[in-house]
Amino acid sequence: MHKQDIAFNRCAKYTVEELLSVFRAEAQFICKKPEDVRTVAESALSDFIKCYRRYVRFV
């Protein structure tokens, strides 16, 4: 538990493009229509930023 707490105190560095790429890859598995992939990926990225902005530094 202690190691986990220390890890959360450090800021990870990601570009928005890197994170969007991760969410886009995941969205491709769940979306039946290719045009929905971008919408789902951007929505997931937005939610991620809202939830984890204290722990992630965007560069």
PDB file of N, CA and C in Angstrom:
ATOM      1  N   MET A   1       0.829  -1.198   0.000  1.00  0.00           N
ATOM      2  CA  MET A   1       0.000   0.000   0.000  1.00  0.00           C
ATOM      3  C   MET A   1       0.867   1.252   0.000  1.00  0.00           C
ATOM      4  N   HIS A   2       1.956   1.219   0.752  1.00  0.00           N
ATOM      5  CA  HIS A   2       2.835   2.385   0.832  1.00  0.00           C
ATOM      6  C   HIS A   2       3.430   2.723  -0.536  1.00  0.00           C
ATOM      7  N   LYS A   3       3.882   1.701  -1.278  1.00  0.00           N
ATOM      8  CA  LYS A   3       4.458   1.944  -2.599  1.00  0.00           C
ATOM      9  C   LYS A   3       3.427   2.561  -3.536  1.00  0.00           C
ATOM     10  N   GLN A   4       2.190   2.121  -3.427  1.00  0.00           N
ATOM     11  CA  GLN A   4       1.131   2.662  -4.277  1.00  0.00           C
ATOM     12  C   GLN A   4       0.903   4.140  -3.967  1.00  0.00           C
ATOM     13  N   ASP A   5       0.907   4.513  -2.701  1.00  0.00           N
ATOM     14  CA  ASP A   5       0.714   5.913  -2.324  1.00  0.00           C
ATOM     15  C   ASP A   5       1.836   6.787  -2.874  1.00  0.00           C
ATOM     16  N   ILE A   6       3.054   6.288  -2.828  1.00  0.00           N
ATOM     17  CA  ILE A   6       4.184   7.043  -3.355  1.00  0.00           C
ATOM     18  C   ILE A   6       4.025   7.234  -4.862  1.00  0.00           C
ATOM     19  N   ALA A   7       3.601   6.199  -5.552  1.00  0.00           N
ATOM     20  CA  ALA A   7       3.434   6.286  -7.003  1.00  0.00           C
ATOM     21  C   ALA A   7       2.398   7.340  -7.370  1.00  0.00           C
ATOM     22  N   PHE A   8       1.333   7.452  -6.603  1.00  0.00           N
ATOM     23  CA  PHE A   8       0.302   8.432  -6.914  1.00  0.00           C
ATOM     24  C   PHE A   8       0.757   9.860  -6.628  1.00  0.00           C
ATOM     25  N   ASN A   9       1.775  10.030  -5.802  1.00  0.00           N
ATOM     26  CA  ASN A   9       2.264  11.369  -5.500  1.00  0.00           C
ATOM     27  C   ASN A   9       3.159  11.922  -6.605  1.00  0.00           C
ATOM     28  N   ARG A  10       3.621  11.080  -7.486  1.00  0.00           N
ATOM     29  CA  ARG A  10       4.448  11.525  -8.602  1.00  0.00           C
ATOM     30  C   ARG A  10       3.555  11.816  -9.797  1.00  0.00           C
ATOM     31  N   CYS A  11       3.900  12.834 -10.539  1.00  0.00           N
ATOM     32  CA  CYS A  11       3.139  13.164 -11.747  1.00  0.00           C
ATOM     33  C   CYS A  11       3.732  12.435 -12.945  1.00  0.00           C
ATOM     34  N   ALA A  12       2.885  11.744 -13.661  1.00  0.00           N
ATOM     35  CA  ALA A  12       3.294  11.145 -14.926  1.00  0.00           C
ATOM     36  C   ALA A  12       3.206  12.216 -16.002  1.00  0.00           C
ATOM     37  N   LYS A  13       4.028  12.091 -17.034  1.00  0.00           N
ATOM     38  CA  LYS A  13       4.020  13.078 -18.110  1.00  0.00           C
ATOM     39  C   LYS A  13       3.573  12.406 -19.402  1.00  0.00           C
ATOM     40  N   TYR A  14       2.541  12.954 -19.990  1.00  0.00           N
ATOM     41  CA  TYR A  14       2.009  12.443 -21.250  1.00  0.00           C
ATOM     42  C   TYR A  14       1.649  13.614 -22.148  1.00  0.00           C
ATOM     43  N   THR A  15       1.707  13.380 -23.450  1.00  0.00           N
ATOM     44  CA  THR A  15       1.140  14.360 -24.365  1.00  0.00           C
ATOM     45  C   THR A  15      -0.324  13.994 -24.551  1.00  0.00           C
ATOM     46  N   VAL A  16      -1.117  14.958 -24.914  1.00  0.00           N
ATOM     47  CA  VAL A  16      -2.532  14.702 -25.169  1.00  0.00           C
ATOM     48  C   VAL A  16      -2.657  13.711 -26.321  1.00  0.00           C
ATOM     49  N   GLU A  17      -1.775  13.814 -27.304  1.00  0.00           N
ATOM     50  CA  GLU A  17      -1.812  12.905 -28.446  1.00  0.00           C
ATOM     51  C   GLU A  17      -1.559  11.462 -28.015  1.00  0.00           C
ATOM     52  N   GLU A  18      -0.634  11.252 -27.067  1.00  0.00           N
ATOM     53  CA  GLU A  18      -0.358   9.900 -26.573  1.00  0.00           C
ATOM     54  C   GLU A  18      -1.583   9.311 -25.891  1.00  0.00           C
ATOM     55  N   LEU A  19      -2.203  10.096 -25.037  1.00  0.00           N
ATOM     56  CA  LEU A  19      -3.391   9.602 -24.337  1.00  0.00           C
ATOM     57  C   LEU A  19      -4.549   9.369 -25.294  1.00  0.00           C
ATOM     58  N   LEU A  20      -4.742  10.270 -26.228  1.00  0.00           N
ATOM     59  CA  LEU A  20      -5.821  10.102 -27.198  1.00  0.00           C
ATOM     60  C   LEU A  20      -5.592   8.841 -28.029  1.00  0.00           C
ATOM     61  N   SER A  21      -4.358   8.557 -28.350  1.00  0.00           N
ATOM     62  CA  SER A  21      -4.030   7.344 -29.100  1.00  0.00           C
ATOM     63  C   SER A  21      -4.407   6.091 -28.315  1.00  0.00           C
ATOM     64  N   VAL A  22      -4.144   6.094 -27.025  1.00  0.00           N
ATOM     65  CA  VAL A  22      -4.512   4.957 -26.170  1.00  0.00           C
ATOM     66  C   VAL A  22      -6.023   4.786 -26.139  1.00  0.00           C
ATOM     67  N   PHE A  23      -6.734   5.873 -25.933  1.00  0.00           N
ATOM     68  CA  PHE A  23      -8.197   5.793 -25.868  1.00  0.00           C
ATOM     69  C   PHE A  23      -8.797   5.445 -27.231  1.00  0.00           C
ATOM     70  N   ARG A  24      -8.175   5.882 -28.298  1.00  0.00           N
ATOM     71  CA  ARG A  24      -8.659   5.551 -29.644  1.00  0.00           C
ATOM     72  C   ARG A  24      -8.510   4.044 -29.897  1.00  0.00           C
ATOM     73  N   ALA A  25      -7.385   3.479 -29.479  1.00  0.00           N
ATOM     74  CA  ALA A  25      -7.177   2.036 -29.652  1.00  0.00           C
ATOM     75  C   ALA A  25      -8.228   1.241 -28.885  1.00  0.00           C
ATOM     76  N   GLU A  26      -8.529   1.662 -27.677  1.00  0.00           N
ATOM     77  CA  GLU A  26      -9.560   0.979 -26.886  1.00  0.00           C
ATOM     78  C   GLU A  26     -10.942   1.152 -27.510  1.00  0.00           C
ATOM     79  N   ALA A  27     -11.218   2.342 -28.018  1.00  0.00           N
ATOM     80  CA  ALA A  27     -12.530   2.615 -28.612  1.00  0.00           C
ATOM     81  C   ALA A  27     -12.766   1.765 -29.853  1.00  0.00           C
ATOM     82  N   GLN A  28     -11.709   1.437 -30.572  1.00  0.00           N
ATOM     83  CA  GLN A  28     -11.858   0.614 -31.770  1.00  0.00           C
ATOM     84  C   GLN A  28     -12.403  -0.771 -31.440  1.00  0.00           C
ATOM     85  N   PHE A  29     -12.136  -1.253 -30.238  1.00  0.00           N
ATOM     86  CA  PHE A  29     -12.638  -2.561 -29.829  1.00  0.00           C
ATOM     87  C   PHE A  29     -14.123  -2.532 -29.486  1.00  0.00           C
ATOM     88  N   ILE A  30     -14.618  -1.393 -29.011  1.00  0.00           N
ATOM     89  CA  ILE A  30     -16.008  -1.357 -28.545  1.00  0.00           C
ATOM     90  C   ILE A  30     -16.979  -0.717 -29.526  1.00  0.00           C
ATOM     91  N   CYS A  31     -16.465   0.034 -30.491  1.00  0.00           N
ATOM     92  CA  CYS A  31     -17.352   0.734 -31.430  1.00  0.00           C
ATOM     93  C   CYS A  31     -17.592  -0.107 -32.680  1.00  0.00           C
ATOM     94  N   LYS A  32     -18.840  -0.192 -33.065  1.00  0.00           N
ATOM     95  CA  LYS A  32     -19.181  -0.915 -34.292  1.00  0.00           C
ATOM     96  C   LYS A  32     -19.006  -0.030 -35.518  1.00  0.00           C
ATOM     97  N   LYS A  33     -19.249   1.266 -35.362  1.00  0.00           N
ATOM     98  CA  LYS A  33     -19.116   2.208 -36.474  1.00  0.00           C
ATOM     99  C   LYS A  33     -17.784   2.952 -36.352  1.00  0.00           C
ATOM    100  N   PRO A  34     -16.995   2.970 -37.414  1.00  0.00           N
ATOM    101  CA  PRO A  34     -15.704   3.677 -37.363  1.00  0.00           C
ATOM    102  C   PRO A  34     -15.837   5.158 -37.003  1.00  0.00           C
ATOM    103  N   GLU A  35     -16.932   5.773 -37.401  1.00  0.00           N
ATOM    104  CA  GLU A  35     -17.108   7.204 -37.110  1.00  0.00           C
ATOM    105  C   GLU A  35     -17.342   7.472 -35.622  1.00  0.00           C
ATOM    106  N   ASP A  36     -17.701   6.445 -34.866  1.00  0.00           N
ATOM    107  CA  ASP A  36     -17.914   6.611 -33.428  1.00  0.00           C
ATOM    108  C   ASP A  36     -16.619   6.551 -32.620  1.00  0.00           C
ATOM    109  N   VAL A  37     -15.564   6.021 -33.213  1.00  0.00           N
ATOM    110  CA  VAL A  37     -14.302   5.830 -32.493  1.00  0.00           C
ATOM    111  C   VAL A  37     -13.773   7.157 -31.961  1.00  0.00           C
ATOM    112  N   ARG A  38     -13.739   8.170 -32.793  1.00  0.00           N
ATOM    113  CA  ARG A  38     -13.204   9.474 -32.374  1.00  0.00           C
ATOM    114  C   ARG A  38     -14.021  10.063 -31.231  1.00  0.00           C
ATOM    115  N   THR A  39     -15.343   9.997 -31.344  1.00  0.00           N
ATOM    116  CA  THR A  39     -16.219  10.557 -30.312  1.00  0.00           C
ATOM    117  C   THR A  39     -16.006   9.862 -28.977  1.00  0.00           C
ATOM    118  N   VAL A  40     -15.949   8.540 -29.003  1.00  0.00           N
ATOM    119  CA  VAL A  40     -15.758   7.771 -27.770  1.00  0.00           C
ATOM    120  C   VAL A  40     -14.377   8.050 -27.179  1.00  0.00           C
ATOM    121  N   ALA A  41     -13.350   8.089 -28.019  1.00  0.00           N
ATOM    122  CA  ALA A  41     -11.989   8.341 -27.540  1.00  0.00           C
ATOM    123  C   ALA A  41     -11.866   9.727 -26.911  1.00  0.00           C
ATOM    124  N   GLU A  42     -12.437  10.732 -27.555  1.00  0.00           N
ATOM    125  CA  GLU A  42     -12.368  12.091 -27.011  1.00  0.00           C
ATOM    126  C   GLU A  42     -13.161  12.215 -25.717  1.00  0.00           C
ATOM    127  N   SER A  43     -14.273  11.535 -25.632  1.00  0.00           N
ATOM    128  CA  SER A  43     -15.068  11.546 -24.405  1.00  0.00           C
ATOM    129  C   SER A  43     -14.309  10.872 -23.263  1.00  0.00           C
ATOM    130  N   ALA A  44     -13.669   9.751 -23.562  1.00  0.00           N
ATOM    131  CA  ALA A  44     -12.882   9.050 -22.543  1.00  0.00           C
ATOM    132  C   ALA A  44     -11.710   9.907 -22.081  1.00  0.00           C
ATOM    133  N   LEU A  45     -11.059  10.586 -23.014  1.00  0.00           N
ATOM    134  CA  LEU A  45      -9.948  11.470 -22.655  1.00  0.00           C
ATOM    135  C   LEU A  45     -10.426  12.607 -21.766  1.00  0.00           C
ATOM    136  N   SER A  46     -11.560  13.175 -22.096  1.00  0.00           N
ATOM    137  CA  SER A  46     -12.128  14.251 -21.281  1.00  0.00           C
ATOM    138  C   SER A  46     -12.422  13.768 -19.864  1.00  0.00           C
ATOM    139  N   ASP A  47     -13.020  12.601 -19.753  1.00  0.00           N
ATOM    140  CA  ASP A  47     -13.311  12.036 -18.430  1.00  0.00           C
ATOM    141  C   ASP A  47     -12.029  11.745 -17.663  1.00  0.00           C
ATOM    142  N   PHE A  48     -11.019  11.227 -18.356  1.00  0.00           N
ATOM    143  CA  PHE A  48      -9.738  10.926 -17.731  1.00  0.00           C
ATOM    144  C   PHE A  48      -9.108  12.190 -17.158  1.00  0.00           C
ATOM    145  N   ILE A  49      -9.133  13.263 -17.934  1.00  0.00           N
ATOM    146  CA  ILE A  49      -8.551  14.530 -17.483  1.00  0.00           C
ATOM    147  C   ILE A  49      -9.290  15.052 -16.257  1.00  0.00           C
ATOM    148  N   LYS A  50     -10.606  14.964 -16.273  1.00  0.00           N
ATOM    149  CA  LYS A  50     -11.392  15.428 -15.126  1.00  0.00           C
ATOM    150  C   LYS A  50     -11.063  14.640 -13.866  1.00  0.00           C
ATOM    151  N   CYS A  51     -10.887  13.339 -14.004  1.00  0.00           N
ATOM    152  CA  CYS A  51     -10.666  12.477 -12.835  1.00  0.00           C
ATOM    153  C   CYS A  51      -9.222  12.490 -12.339  1.00  0.00           C
ATOM    154  N   TYR A  52      -8.263  12.549 -13.253  1.00  0.00           N
ATOM    155  CA  TYR A  52      -6.869  12.328 -12.880  1.00  0.00           C
ATOM    156  C   TYR A  52      -5.956  13.518 -13.118  1.00  0.00           C
ATOM    157  N   ARG A  53      -6.497  14.713 -13.300  1.00  0.00           N
ATOM    158  CA  ARG A  53      -5.644  15.862 -13.614  1.00  0.00           C
ATOM    159  C   ARG A  53      -4.630  16.166 -12.515  1.00  0.00           C
ATOM    160  N   ARG A  54      -4.891  15.753 -11.290  1.00  0.00           N
ATOM    161  CA  ARG A  54      -3.921  15.983 -10.209  1.00  0.00           C
ATOM    162  C   ARG A  54      -2.703  15.075 -10.337  1.00  0.00           C
ATOM    163  N   TYR A  55      -2.876  13.933 -10.986  1.00  0.00           N
ATOM    164  CA  TYR A  55      -1.819  12.933 -11.042  1.00  0.00           C
ATOM    165  C   TYR A  55      -1.093  12.877 -12.377  1.00  0.00           C
ATOM    166  N   VAL A  56      -1.573  13.611 -13.361  1.00  0.00           N
ATOM    167  CA  VAL A  56      -0.978  13.561 -14.690  1.00  0.00           C
ATOM    168  C   VAL A  56      -0.620  14.968 -15.133  1.00  0.00           C
ATOM    169  N   ARG A  57       0.569  15.109 -15.642  1.00  0.00           N
ATOM    170  CA  ARG A  57       1.004  16.397 -16.191  1.00  0.00           C
ATOM    171  C   ARG A  57       1.009  16.269 -17.712  1.00  0.00           C
ATOM    172  N   PHE A  58       0.316  17.170 -18.360  1.00  0.00           N
ATOM    173  CA  PHE A  58       0.244  17.143 -19.813  1.00  0.00           C
ATOM    174  C   PHE A  58       1.338  18.022 -20.382  1.00  0.00           C
ATOM    175  N   VAL A  59       2.125  17.468 -21.290  1.00  0.00           N
ATOM    176  CA  VAL A  59       3.257  18.197 -21.876  1.00  0.00           C
ATOM    177  C   VAL A  59       3.049  18.380 -23.360  1.00  0.00           C
TER     178      VAL A  59
END
